[in-house]
Amino acid sequence: MRAMERPSRTGLIALLIAVEAVIAGVALYTLRGAGFASAGGFHAVDYSAPPIAPISVGVAPVVTVDDIDSRIVVTPSNDGMVHVTDRTEVHGLIFGSEHAQALQVTRTLDGVRVYRPAGHFTLGDTTNRVEISVPPMTQLKISRSGGDDISGLQNGIDVVSQDGHITLDDVKGDIKAHSDDGRVELSNISSNSIDASTNDGHVYATQLQMTGASPRATLHSDSGSMRISGTFPAGSYAFTTGDGRIELSLLQGSDANVDASTGDGHVVVDGRDQAGQPIRVGAGSAAMRLRSEDGSVHITTNGAL
């Protein structure tokens, strides 16, 4: 069972603001049953997001998402339509507006735009979650979010989370994924290009299948461990962390010349200390770099060394 995640930076800042907000707005909160009250910029709100009609888009649309407060969950649809379900609820006080900001979903020339105007500070019970079903060949671009769970897409993903972890599962195509504050987890990925990083959290990338001409993968954490497994044919790969252990499993079919180093730790290959020694798997055609500034590097080769 995973340990409980620590509070996010955004949550801590909101908590500090809330201390003063409660003093000014506690009297308003007692009027919540009336649905609305205001003083000092606070308004009592009971809000549940309305239903959103699906949009017909065809086989391979471009879907863009911009909702910094919500966790975005994306799964495949099978009817050539984009279905958006906003699970957002606000029950308490909201500052700066009489109403919670409704999600905007509009048809564009090449697909669909999902967008929520800049949010407001809220105090009380809130749920921020948006569920989106899209055709499997959708090109998905998430510019801002509060975390993302994406599965079953086949035509590339470009996703950014400002405050929350990212998980990608059973995905094909080129991948860009960055979390400002949260882990990044990739599994069952088939791709020619992967660029995944986090400022604060671990990177787990398992069952990777690098494909196509000159495949490349760059995985990085400023502060977190890394666990990587997959098949890496001739190409270019870099797996680095500022603070944490790296575990790499090179599966059968990998073909790499590995440059593994650490600022403070050991380099271990198939259970043997191998710091400073050449590490080659297969013909050694791919350039692969592993670096931990503060942590050991452990590599297993399944007998392919």
C-alpha atoms as a PDB file:
ATOM      1  CA  MET A   1       0.000   0.000   0.000  1.00  0.00           C
ATOM      2  CA  ARG A   2       1.399   3.399  -0.947  1.00  0.00           C
ATOM      3  CA  ALA A   3       2.220   5.892   1.743  1.00  0.00           C
ATOM      4  CA  MET A   4      -0.065   8.872   2.024  1.00  0.00           C
ATOM      5  CA  GLU A   5       1.086  11.679  -0.273  1.00  0.00           C
ATOM      6  CA  ARG A   6       2.363  14.828   1.354  1.00  0.00           C
ATOM      7  CA  PRO A   7       0.293  18.018   1.011  1.00  0.00           C
ATOM      8  CA  SER A   8       0.923  19.884  -2.257  1.00  0.00           C
ATOM      9  CA  ARG A   9       2.539  23.304  -2.324  1.00  0.00           C
ATOM     10  CA  THR A  10      -0.677  24.818  -3.634  1.00  0.00           C
ATOM     11  CA  GLY A  11      -2.603  23.210  -0.793  1.00  0.00           C
ATOM     12  CA  LEU A  12      -0.230  24.584   1.845  1.00  0.00           C
ATOM     13  CA  ILE A  13      -0.475  28.104   0.451  1.00  0.00           C
ATOM     14  CA  ALA A  14      -4.265  27.832   0.342  1.00  0.00           C
ATOM     15  CA  LEU A  15      -4.294  26.670   3.944  1.00  0.00           C
ATOM     16  CA  LEU A  16      -2.389  29.767   5.085  1.00  0.00           C
ATOM     17  CA  ILE A  17      -4.777  32.007   3.226  1.00  0.00           C
ATOM     18  CA  ALA A  18      -7.714  30.115   4.696  1.00  0.00           C
ATOM     19  CA  VAL A  19      -6.705  30.948   8.266  1.00  0.00           C
ATOM     20  CA  GLU A  20      -7.366  34.634   7.689  1.00  0.00           C
ATOM     21  CA  ALA A  21     -10.299  33.909   5.397  1.00  0.00           C
ATOM     22  CA  VAL A  22     -12.136  31.966   8.079  1.00  0.00           C
ATOM     23  CA  ILE A  23     -11.963  34.893  10.492  1.00  0.00           C
ATOM     24  CA  ALA A  24     -13.551  37.191   7.914  1.00  0.00           C
ATOM     25  CA  GLY A  25     -16.011  34.724   6.466  1.00  0.00           C
ATOM     26  CA  VAL A  26     -17.143  32.298   9.143  1.00  0.00           C
ATOM     27  CA  ALA A  27     -20.393  34.194   9.665  1.00  0.00           C
ATOM     28  CA  LEU A  28     -21.172  33.791   5.974  1.00  0.00           C
ATOM     29  CA  TYR A  29     -20.656  30.050   6.066  1.00  0.00           C
ATOM     30  CA  THR A  30     -23.618  29.685   8.416  1.00  0.00           C
ATOM     31  CA  LEU A  31     -25.787  31.099   5.636  1.00  0.00           C
ATOM     32  CA  ARG A  32     -24.745  28.407   3.175  1.00  0.00           C
ATOM     33  CA  GLY A  33     -28.214  26.895   3.235  1.00  0.00           C
ATOM     34  CA  ALA A  34     -29.539  30.079   1.646  1.00  0.00           C
ATOM     35  CA  GLY A  35     -27.214  29.470  -1.301  1.00  0.00           C
ATOM     36  CA  PHE A  36     -25.760  32.977  -1.320  1.00  0.00           C
ATOM     37  CA  ALA A  37     -24.368  35.575   1.040  1.00  0.00           C
ATOM     38  CA  SER A  38     -21.578  38.084   0.704  1.00  0.00           C
ATOM     39  CA  ALA A  39     -19.269  40.323   2.680  1.00  0.00           C
ATOM     40  CA  GLY A  40     -15.631  41.198   2.310  1.00  0.00           C
ATOM     41  CA  GLY A  41     -15.502  39.558  -1.143  1.00  0.00           C
ATOM     42  CA  PHE A  42     -16.736  36.123   0.020  1.00  0.00           C
ATOM     43  CA  HIS A  43     -19.865  34.420  -1.303  1.00  0.00           C
ATOM     44  CA  ALA A  44     -21.567  31.248  -0.092  1.00  0.00           C
ATOM     45  CA  VAL A  45     -21.958  28.751  -2.933  1.00  0.00           C
ATOM     46  CA  ASP A  46     -23.539  25.351  -3.522  1.00  0.00           C
ATOM     47  CA  TYR A  47     -22.409  24.351  -7.006  1.00  0.00           C
ATOM     48  CA  SER A  48     -22.503  21.128  -8.980  1.00  0.00           C
ATOM     49  CA  ALA A  49     -21.370  21.262 -12.602  1.00  0.00           C
ATOM     50  CA  PRO A  50     -24.113  20.897 -15.244  1.00  0.00           C
ATOM     51  CA  PRO A  51     -24.051  18.164 -17.913  1.00  0.00           C
ATOM     52  CA  ILE A  52     -22.139  18.826 -21.142  1.00  0.00           C
ATOM     53  CA  ALA A  53     -23.356  17.604 -24.538  1.00  0.00           C
ATOM     54  CA  PRO A  54     -20.930  15.359 -26.494  1.00  0.00           C
ATOM     55  CA  ILE A  55     -19.279  16.759 -29.618  1.00  0.00           C
ATOM     56  CA  SER A  56     -18.799  14.843 -32.891  1.00  0.00           C
ATOM     57  CA  VAL A  57     -15.158  15.107 -33.992  1.00  0.00           C
ATOM     58  CA  GLY A  58     -14.280  12.211 -36.305  1.00  0.00           C
ATOM     59  CA  VAL A  59     -11.338   9.828 -36.068  1.00  0.00           C
ATOM     60  CA  ALA A  60      -8.266  11.928 -35.198  1.00  0.00           C
ATOM     61  CA  PRO A  61      -9.119  15.280 -33.583  1.00  0.00           C
ATOM     62  CA  VAL A  62      -6.866  17.601 -31.613  1.00  0.00           C
ATOM     63  CA  VAL A  63      -8.180  17.987 -28.071  1.00  0.00           C
ATOM     64  CA  THR A  64      -6.715  20.730 -25.875  1.00  0.00           C
ATOM     65  CA  VAL A  65      -7.311  21.063 -22.141  1.00  0.00           C
ATOM     66  CA  ASP A  66      -6.583  23.990 -19.803  1.00  0.00           C
ATOM     67  CA  ASP A  67      -7.916  23.617 -16.260  1.00  0.00           C
ATOM     68  CA  ILE A  68      -5.304  24.320 -13.614  1.00  0.00           C
ATOM     69  CA  ASP A  69      -7.492  23.291 -10.669  1.00  0.00           C
ATOM     70  CA  SER A  70      -8.866  19.943 -11.865  1.00  0.00           C
ATOM     71  CA  ARG A  71      -7.558  16.414 -12.113  1.00  0.00           C
ATOM     72  CA  ILE A  72      -8.027  15.346 -15.743  1.00  0.00           C
ATOM     73  CA  VAL A  73      -8.960  11.741 -16.546  1.00  0.00           C
ATOM     74  CA  VAL A  74      -8.817  10.761 -20.238  1.00  0.00           C
ATOM     75  CA  THR A  75      -9.968   7.436 -21.705  1.00  0.00           C
ATOM     76  CA  PRO A  76     -10.813   6.278 -25.254  1.00  0.00           C
ATOM     77  CA  SER A  77     -14.293   6.527 -26.768  1.00  0.00           C
ATOM     78  CA  ASN A  78     -15.568   4.332 -29.600  1.00  0.00           C
ATOM     79  CA  ASP A  79     -18.181   6.536 -31.262  1.00  0.00           C
ATOM     80  CA  GLY A  80     -16.159   9.342 -32.904  1.00  0.00           C
ATOM     81  CA  MET A  81     -17.235  11.805 -30.237  1.00  0.00           C
ATOM     82  CA  VAL A  82     -15.675  13.706 -27.355  1.00  0.00           C
ATOM     83  CA  HIS A  83     -17.553  13.213 -24.098  1.00  0.00           C
ATOM     84  CA  VAL A  84     -16.794  15.601 -21.227  1.00  0.00           C
ATOM     85  CA  THR A  85     -18.096  15.066 -17.706  1.00  0.00           C
ATOM     86  CA  ASP A  86     -17.317  17.768 -15.168  1.00  0.00           C
ATOM     87  CA  ARG A  87     -17.392  16.338 -11.640  1.00  0.00           C
ATOM     88  CA  THR A  88     -16.608  19.703 -10.063  1.00  0.00           C
ATOM     89  CA  GLU A  89     -18.496  20.571  -6.874  1.00  0.00           C
ATOM     90  CA  VAL A  90     -18.097  23.584  -4.570  1.00  0.00           C
ATOM     91  CA  HIS A  91     -19.942  23.711  -1.252  1.00  0.00           C
ATOM     92  CA  GLY A  92     -18.760  26.542   0.958  1.00  0.00           C
ATOM     93  CA  LEU A  93     -17.275  29.981   0.379  1.00  0.00           C
ATOM     94  CA  ILE A  94     -15.802  31.394  -2.779  1.00  0.00           C
ATOM     95  CA  PHE A  95     -13.785  34.600  -2.981  1.00  0.00           C
ATOM     96  CA  GLY A  96     -13.990  37.115  -5.785  1.00  0.00           C
ATOM     97  CA  SER A  97     -17.063  35.834  -7.613  1.00  0.00           C
ATOM     98  CA  GLU A  98     -20.674  35.036  -6.909  1.00  0.00           C
ATOM     99  CA  HIS A  99     -20.424  31.778  -8.872  1.00  0.00           C
ATOM    100  CA  ALA A 100     -17.966  28.936  -9.422  1.00  0.00           C
ATOM    101  CA  GLN A 101     -16.321  28.995 -12.844  1.00  0.00           C
ATOM    102  CA  ALA A 102     -18.082  26.646 -15.268  1.00  0.00           C
ATOM    103  CA  LEU A 103     -16.034  24.468 -17.618  1.00  0.00           C
ATOM    104  CA  GLN A 104     -16.119  25.665 -21.241  1.00  0.00           C
ATOM    105  CA  VAL A 105     -16.200  23.037 -24.022  1.00  0.00           C
ATOM    106  CA  THR A 106     -16.128  24.327 -27.605  1.00  0.00           C
ATOM    107  CA  ARG A 107     -15.690  22.917 -31.103  1.00  0.00           C
ATOM    108  CA  THR A 108     -12.559  24.102 -32.923  1.00  0.00           C
ATOM    109  CA  LEU A 109     -11.474  23.761 -36.552  1.00  0.00           C
ATOM    110  CA  ASP A 110      -9.488  20.605 -35.783  1.00  0.00           C
ATOM    111  CA  GLY A 111     -11.127  19.251 -32.638  1.00  0.00           C
ATOM    112  CA  VAL A 112     -12.280  20.391 -29.205  1.00  0.00           C
ATOM    113  CA  ARG A 113     -11.108  22.882 -26.606  1.00  0.00           C
ATOM    114  CA  VAL A 114     -11.802  22.208 -22.917  1.00  0.00           C
ATOM    115  CA  TYR A 115     -11.130  25.265 -20.779  1.00  0.00           C
ATOM    116  CA  ARG A 116     -11.950  26.671 -17.360  1.00  0.00           C
ATOM    117  CA  PRO A 117     -11.461  30.402 -16.680  1.00  0.00           C
ATOM    118  CA  ALA A 118      -9.048  31.328 -13.900  1.00  0.00           C
ATOM    119  CA  GLY A 119     -10.320  29.918 -10.634  1.00  0.00           C
ATOM    120  CA  HIS A 120     -11.044  31.618  -7.349  1.00  0.00           C
ATOM    121  CA  PHE A 121      -9.985  30.782  -3.838  1.00  0.00           C
ATOM    122  CA  THR A 122     -12.564  28.523  -2.211  1.00  0.00           C
ATOM    123  CA  LEU A 123     -13.144  27.485   1.379  1.00  0.00           C
ATOM    124  CA  GLY A 124     -15.213  24.411   2.207  1.00  0.00           C
ATOM    125  CA  ASP A 125     -15.871  21.110   0.439  1.00  0.00           C
ATOM    126  CA  THR A 126     -14.609  21.034  -3.141  1.00  0.00           C
ATOM    127  CA  THR A 127     -14.155  18.370  -5.807  1.00  0.00           C
ATOM    128  CA  ASN A 128     -12.116  19.210  -8.905  1.00  0.00           C
ATOM    129  CA  ARG A 129     -12.223  16.427 -11.489  1.00  0.00           C
ATOM    130  CA  VAL A 130     -12.933  16.338 -15.217  1.00  0.00           C
ATOM    131  CA  GLU A 131     -13.467  13.089 -17.146  1.00  0.00           C
ATOM    132  CA  ILE A 132     -12.966  13.121 -20.919  1.00  0.00           C
ATOM    133  CA  SER A 133     -13.487  10.312 -23.451  1.00  0.00           C
ATOM    134  CA  VAL A 134     -11.920  10.851 -26.867  1.00  0.00           C
ATOM    135  CA  PRO A 135     -11.306   8.789 -30.038  1.00  0.00           C
ATOM    136  CA  PRO A 136      -8.133   6.653 -29.609  1.00  0.00           C
ATOM    137  CA  MET A 137      -6.287   8.524 -32.413  1.00  0.00           C
ATOM    138  CA  THR A 138      -6.771  11.894 -30.706  1.00  0.00           C
ATOM    139  CA  GLN A 139      -3.790  14.204 -30.355  1.00  0.00           C
ATOM    140  CA  LEU A 140      -4.073  15.282 -26.708  1.00  0.00           C
ATOM    141  CA  LYS A 141      -2.559  18.503 -25.362  1.00  0.00           C
ATOM    142  CA  ILE A 142      -3.013  19.457 -21.696  1.00  0.00           C
ATOM    143  CA  SER A 143      -1.370  22.812 -20.978  1.00  0.00           C
ATOM    144  CA  ARG A 144      -2.471  23.166 -17.326  1.00  0.00           C
ATOM    145  CA  SER A 145      -4.007  20.768 -14.852  1.00  0.00           C
ATOM    146  CA  GLY A 146      -4.076  19.572 -11.265  1.00  0.00           C
ATOM    147  CA  GLY A 147      -2.855  16.102 -12.286  1.00  0.00           C
ATOM    148  CA  ASP A 148      -3.635  13.656 -15.075  1.00  0.00           C
ATOM    149  CA  ASP A 149      -4.612  10.018 -15.652  1.00  0.00           C
ATOM    150  CA  ILE A 150      -4.517   9.010 -19.325  1.00  0.00           C
ATOM    151  CA  SER A 151      -4.993   5.595 -20.895  1.00  0.00           C
ATOM    152  CA  GLY A 152      -5.694   3.931 -24.227  1.00  0.00           C
ATOM    153  CA  LEU A 153      -4.616   6.707 -26.627  1.00  0.00           C
ATOM    154  CA  GLN A 154      -2.533   6.017 -29.741  1.00  0.00           C
ATOM    155  CA  ASN A 155      -1.484   9.281 -31.367  1.00  0.00           C
ATOM    156  CA  GLY A 156       0.735  11.234 -28.992  1.00  0.00           C
ATOM    157  CA  ILE A 157       0.360  13.147 -25.729  1.00  0.00           C
ATOM    158  CA  ASP A 158       1.693  16.499 -24.501  1.00  0.00           C
ATOM    159  CA  VAL A 159       0.707  17.037 -20.862  1.00  0.00           C
ATOM    160  CA  VAL A 160       1.684  19.415 -18.048  1.00  0.00           C
ATOM    161  CA  SER A 161       0.543  19.266 -14.420  1.00  0.00           C
ATOM    162  CA  GLN A 162       1.132  22.231 -12.135  1.00  0.00           C
ATOM    163  CA  ASP A 163       0.161  20.385  -8.955  1.00  0.00           C
ATOM    164  CA  GLY A 164      -0.451  16.646  -9.066  1.00  0.00           C
ATOM    165  CA  HIS A 165       0.928  13.379 -10.358  1.00  0.00           C
ATOM    166  CA  ILE A 166       0.724  12.136 -13.939  1.00  0.00           C
ATOM    167  CA  THR A 167      -0.032   8.544 -14.929  1.00  0.00           C
ATOM    168  CA  LEU A 168       0.017   7.265 -18.520  1.00  0.00           C
ATOM    169  CA  ASP A 169      -0.962   3.673 -19.277  1.00  0.00           C
ATOM    170  CA  ASP A 170      -1.331   1.705 -22.523  1.00  0.00           C
ATOM    171  CA  VAL A 171      -0.353   4.673 -24.692  1.00  0.00           C
ATOM    172  CA  LYS A 172       1.254   4.839 -28.150  1.00  0.00           C
ATOM    173  CA  GLY A 173       2.924   7.766 -29.906  1.00  0.00           C
ATOM    174  CA  ASP A 174       5.310  10.544 -28.947  1.00  0.00           C
ATOM    175  CA  ILE A 175       5.043  11.594 -25.308  1.00  0.00           C
ATOM    176  CA  LYS A 176       5.840  14.790 -23.435  1.00  0.00           C
ATOM    177  CA  ALA A 177       4.900  14.832 -19.745  1.00  0.00           C
ATOM    178  CA  HIS A 178       5.976  17.234 -17.007  1.00  0.00           C
ATOM    179  CA  SER A 179       4.806  17.652 -13.413  1.00  0.00           C
ATOM    180  CA  ASP A 180       5.815  20.690 -11.389  1.00  0.00           C
ATOM    181  CA  ASP A 181       4.947  18.912  -8.157  1.00  0.00           C
ATOM    182  CA  GLY A 182       4.181  15.195  -8.299  1.00  0.00           C
ATOM    183  CA  ARG A 183       5.343  11.851  -9.549  1.00  0.00           C
ATOM    184  CA  VAL A 184       5.305  10.716 -13.190  1.00  0.00           C
ATOM    185  CA  GLU A 185       4.379   7.107 -13.940  1.00  0.00           C
ATOM    186  CA  LEU A 186       4.410   5.525 -17.409  1.00  0.00           C
ATOM    187  CA  SER A 187       3.466   1.914 -18.147  1.00  0.00           C
ATOM    188  CA  ASN A 188       2.841  -0.154 -21.276  1.00  0.00           C
ATOM    189  CA  ILE A 189       4.167   2.576 -23.555  1.00  0.00           C
ATOM    190  CA  SER A 190       5.084   2.110 -27.237  1.00  0.00           C
ATOM    191  CA  SER A 191       6.851   5.199 -28.557  1.00  0.00           C
ATOM    192  CA  ASN A 192       9.567   6.637 -30.746  1.00  0.00           C
ATOM    193  CA  SER A 193      10.069   9.646 -28.453  1.00  0.00           C
ATOM    194  CA  ILE A 194       9.532  10.093 -24.707  1.00  0.00           C
ATOM    195  CA  ASP A 195      10.356  13.216 -22.693  1.00  0.00           C
ATOM    196  CA  ALA A 196       9.098  12.941 -19.103  1.00  0.00           C
ATOM    197  CA  SER A 197      10.166  14.900 -16.037  1.00  0.00           C
ATOM    198  CA  THR A 198       9.170  16.127 -12.601  1.00  0.00           C
ATOM    199  CA  ASN A 199      10.510  18.830 -10.326  1.00  0.00           C
ATOM    200  CA  ASP A 200       9.591  16.893  -7.200  1.00  0.00           C
ATOM    201  CA  GLY A 201       8.667  13.208  -7.247  1.00  0.00           C
ATOM    202  CA  HIS A 202       9.703   9.848  -8.572  1.00  0.00           C
ATOM    203  CA  VAL A 203       9.674   8.695 -12.190  1.00  0.00           C
ATOM    204  CA  TYR A 204       8.504   5.148 -12.827  1.00  0.00           C
ATOM    205  CA  ALA A 205       8.570   4.046 -16.479  1.00  0.00           C
ATOM    206  CA  THR A 206       7.879   0.345 -16.899  1.00  0.00           C
ATOM    207  CA  GLN A 207       7.263  -1.915 -19.881  1.00  0.00           C
ATOM    208  CA  LEU A 208       8.546   0.638 -22.357  1.00  0.00           C
ATOM    209  CA  GLN A 209       8.854  -0.424 -25.984  1.00  0.00           C
ATOM    210  CA  MET A 210      10.948   2.046 -27.953  1.00  0.00           C
ATOM    211  CA  THR A 211      10.134   1.836 -31.648  1.00  0.00           C
ATOM    212  CA  GLY A 212      10.774   3.464 -35.014  1.00  0.00           C
ATOM    213  CA  ALA A 213      13.870   5.048 -36.496  1.00  0.00           C
ATOM    214  CA  SER A 214      16.341   6.529 -33.985  1.00  0.00           C
ATOM    215  CA  PRO A 215      14.153   6.248 -30.892  1.00  0.00           C
ATOM    216  CA  ARG A 216      14.922   8.535 -27.962  1.00  0.00           C
ATOM    217  CA  ALA A 217      13.858   8.779 -24.322  1.00  0.00           C
ATOM    218  CA  THR A 218      14.729  11.405 -21.708  1.00  0.00           C
ATOM    219  CA  LEU A 219      13.530  10.832 -18.142  1.00  0.00           C
ATOM    220  CA  HIS A 220      14.462  13.218 -15.323  1.00  0.00           C
ATOM    221  CA  SER A 221      13.588  14.009 -11.721  1.00  0.00           C
ATOM    222  CA  ASP A 222      15.034  16.930  -9.800  1.00  0.00           C
ATOM    223  CA  SER A 223      14.378  15.035  -6.564  1.00  0.00           C
ATOM    224  CA  GLY A 224      13.115  11.468  -6.676  1.00  0.00           C
ATOM    225  CA  SER A 225      13.952   7.860  -7.410  1.00  0.00           C
ATOM    226  CA  MET A 226      13.651   6.267 -10.858  1.00  0.00           C
ATOM    227  CA  ARG A 227      12.476   2.792 -11.864  1.00  0.00           C
ATOM    228  CA  ILE A 228      12.719   1.940 -15.545  1.00  0.00           C
ATOM    229  CA  SER A 229      12.210  -1.230 -17.556  1.00  0.00           C
ATOM    230  CA  GLY A 230      11.820  -1.915 -21.241  1.00  0.00           C
ATOM    231  CA  THR A 231      13.334  -2.751 -24.592  1.00  0.00           C
ATOM    232  CA  PHE A 232      15.764  -0.144 -25.887  1.00  0.00           C
ATOM    233  CA  PRO A 233      17.039  -0.687 -29.449  1.00  0.00           C
ATOM    234  CA  ALA A 234      19.641   1.505 -31.168  1.00  0.00           C
ATOM    235  CA  GLY A 235      18.829   5.113 -30.298  1.00  0.00           C
ATOM    236  CA  SER A 236      19.552   7.750 -27.634  1.00  0.00           C
ATOM    237  CA  TYR A 237      18.520   7.546 -23.958  1.00  0.00           C
ATOM    238  CA  ALA A 238      19.178   9.614 -20.822  1.00  0.00           C
ATOM    239  CA  PHE A 239      17.852   8.810 -17.325  1.00  0.00           C
ATOM    240  CA  THR A 240      18.917  11.259 -14.613  1.00  0.00           C
ATOM    241  CA  THR A 241      17.976  12.344 -11.103  1.00  0.00           C
ATOM    242  CA  GLY A 242      19.325  14.947  -8.723  1.00  0.00           C
ATOM    243  CA  ASP A 243      18.527  12.922  -5.623  1.00  0.00           C
ATOM    244  CA  GLY A 244      17.463   9.277  -5.642  1.00  0.00           C
ATOM    245  CA  ARG A 245      18.212   5.735  -6.673  1.00  0.00           C
ATOM    246  CA  ILE A 246      17.978   4.565 -10.282  1.00  0.00           C
ATOM    247  CA  GLU A 247      16.836   1.029 -11.077  1.00  0.00           C
ATOM    248  CA  LEU A 248      17.020  -0.019 -14.740  1.00  0.00           C
ATOM    249  CA  SER A 249      15.975  -3.342 -16.232  1.00  0.00           C
ATOM    250  CA  LEU A 250      17.123  -3.871 -19.818  1.00  0.00           C
ATOM    251  CA  LEU A 251      14.840  -6.472 -21.374  1.00  0.00           C
ATOM    252  CA  GLN A 252      15.725  -8.865 -24.206  1.00  0.00           C
ATOM    253  CA  GLY A 253      16.137  -6.974 -27.474  1.00  0.00           C
ATOM    254  CA  SER A 254      17.901  -4.009 -25.888  1.00  0.00           C
ATOM    255  CA  ASP A 255      21.040  -2.830 -27.655  1.00  0.00           C
ATOM    256  CA  ALA A 256      22.954  -0.225 -25.672  1.00  0.00           C
ATOM    257  CA  ASN A 257      26.312   1.088 -24.566  1.00  0.00           C
ATOM    258  CA  VAL A 258      25.573   2.300 -21.030  1.00  0.00           C
ATOM    259  CA  ASP A 259      27.354   5.197 -19.312  1.00  0.00           C
ATOM    260  CA  ALA A 260      26.295   4.907 -15.652  1.00  0.00           C
ATOM    261  CA  SER A 261      27.605   7.171 -12.901  1.00  0.00           C
ATOM    262  CA  THR A 262      26.737   8.579  -9.482  1.00  0.00           C
ATOM    263  CA  GLY A 263      27.983  11.429  -7.331  1.00  0.00           C
ATOM    264  CA  ASP A 264      27.408   9.496  -4.116  1.00  0.00           C
ATOM    265  CA  GLY A 265      26.581   5.800  -4.357  1.00  0.00           C
ATOM    266  CA  HIS A 266      27.402   2.617  -6.275  1.00  0.00           C
ATOM    267  CA  VAL A 267      26.934   1.367  -9.818  1.00  0.00           C
ATOM    268  CA  VAL A 268      25.760  -2.228  -9.650  1.00  0.00           C
ATOM    269  CA  VAL A 269      25.170  -4.461 -12.689  1.00  0.00           C
ATOM    270  CA  ASP A 270      23.436  -7.811 -12.200  1.00  0.00           C
ATOM    271  CA  GLY A 271      24.404  -7.740  -8.537  1.00  0.00           C
ATOM    272  CA  ARG A 272      28.075  -6.827  -9.068  1.00  0.00           C
ATOM    273  CA  ASP A 273      29.747  -3.490  -8.386  1.00  0.00           C
ATOM    274  CA  GLN A 274      30.839  -2.184 -11.775  1.00  0.00           C
ATOM    275  CA  ALA A 275      31.694   1.481 -11.235  1.00  0.00           C
ATOM    276  CA  GLY A 276      33.986   2.814 -13.943  1.00  0.00           C
ATOM    277  CA  GLN A 277      33.700  -0.294 -16.107  1.00  0.00           C
ATOM    278  CA  PRO A 278      32.111  -0.469 -19.556  1.00  0.00           C
ATOM    279  CA  ILE A 279      28.531  -1.730 -19.688  1.00  0.00           C
ATOM    280  CA  ARG A 280      27.349  -3.024 -23.033  1.00  0.00           C
ATOM    281  CA  VAL A 281      24.154  -4.871 -23.878  1.00  0.00           C
ATOM    282  CA  GLY A 282      23.781  -6.512 -27.286  1.00  0.00           C
ATOM    283  CA  ALA A 283      25.902  -4.806 -29.920  1.00  0.00           C
ATOM    284  CA  GLY A 284      26.019  -1.597 -27.886  1.00  0.00           C
ATOM    285  CA  SER A 285      24.524   0.486 -30.697  1.00  0.00           C
ATOM    286  CA  ALA A 286      22.472   2.848 -28.522  1.00  0.00           C
ATOM    287  CA  ALA A 287      23.943   5.623 -26.394  1.00  0.00           C
ATOM    288  CA  MET A 288      22.438   5.368 -22.902  1.00  0.00           C
ATOM    289  CA  ARG A 289      23.351   7.636 -19.994  1.00  0.00           C
ATOM    290  CA  LEU A 290      22.359   7.095 -16.364  1.00  0.00           C
ATOM    291  CA  ARG A 291      23.279   9.611 -13.672  1.00  0.00           C
ATOM    292  CA  SER A 292      22.276  10.072 -10.033  1.00  0.00           C
ATOM    293  CA  GLU A 293      23.830  12.947  -8.139  1.00  0.00           C
ATOM    294  CA  ASP A 294      22.976  11.339  -4.801  1.00  0.00           C
ATOM    295  CA  GLY A 295      21.983   7.687  -5.007  1.00  0.00           C
ATOM    296  CA  SER A 296      23.077   4.330  -6.356  1.00  0.00           C
ATOM    297  CA  VAL A 297      22.474   2.989  -9.877  1.00  0.00           C
ATOM    298  CA  HIS A 298      21.307  -0.624 -10.229  1.00  0.00           C
ATOM    299  CA  ILE A 299      21.099  -2.297 -13.663  1.00  0.00           C
ATOM    300  CA  THR A 300      19.824  -5.736 -14.554  1.00  0.00           C
ATOM    301  CA  THR A 301      20.303  -7.188 -18.042  1.00  0.00           C
ATOM    302  CA  ASN A 302      18.413 -10.505 -17.983  1.00  0.00           C
ATOM    303  CA  GLY A 303      21.591 -12.233 -19.097  1.00  0.00           C
ATOM    304  CA  ALA A 304      22.020 -10.007 -22.162  1.00  0.00           C
ATOM    305  CA  LEU A 305      25.252  -8.424 -20.936  1.00  0.00           C
END
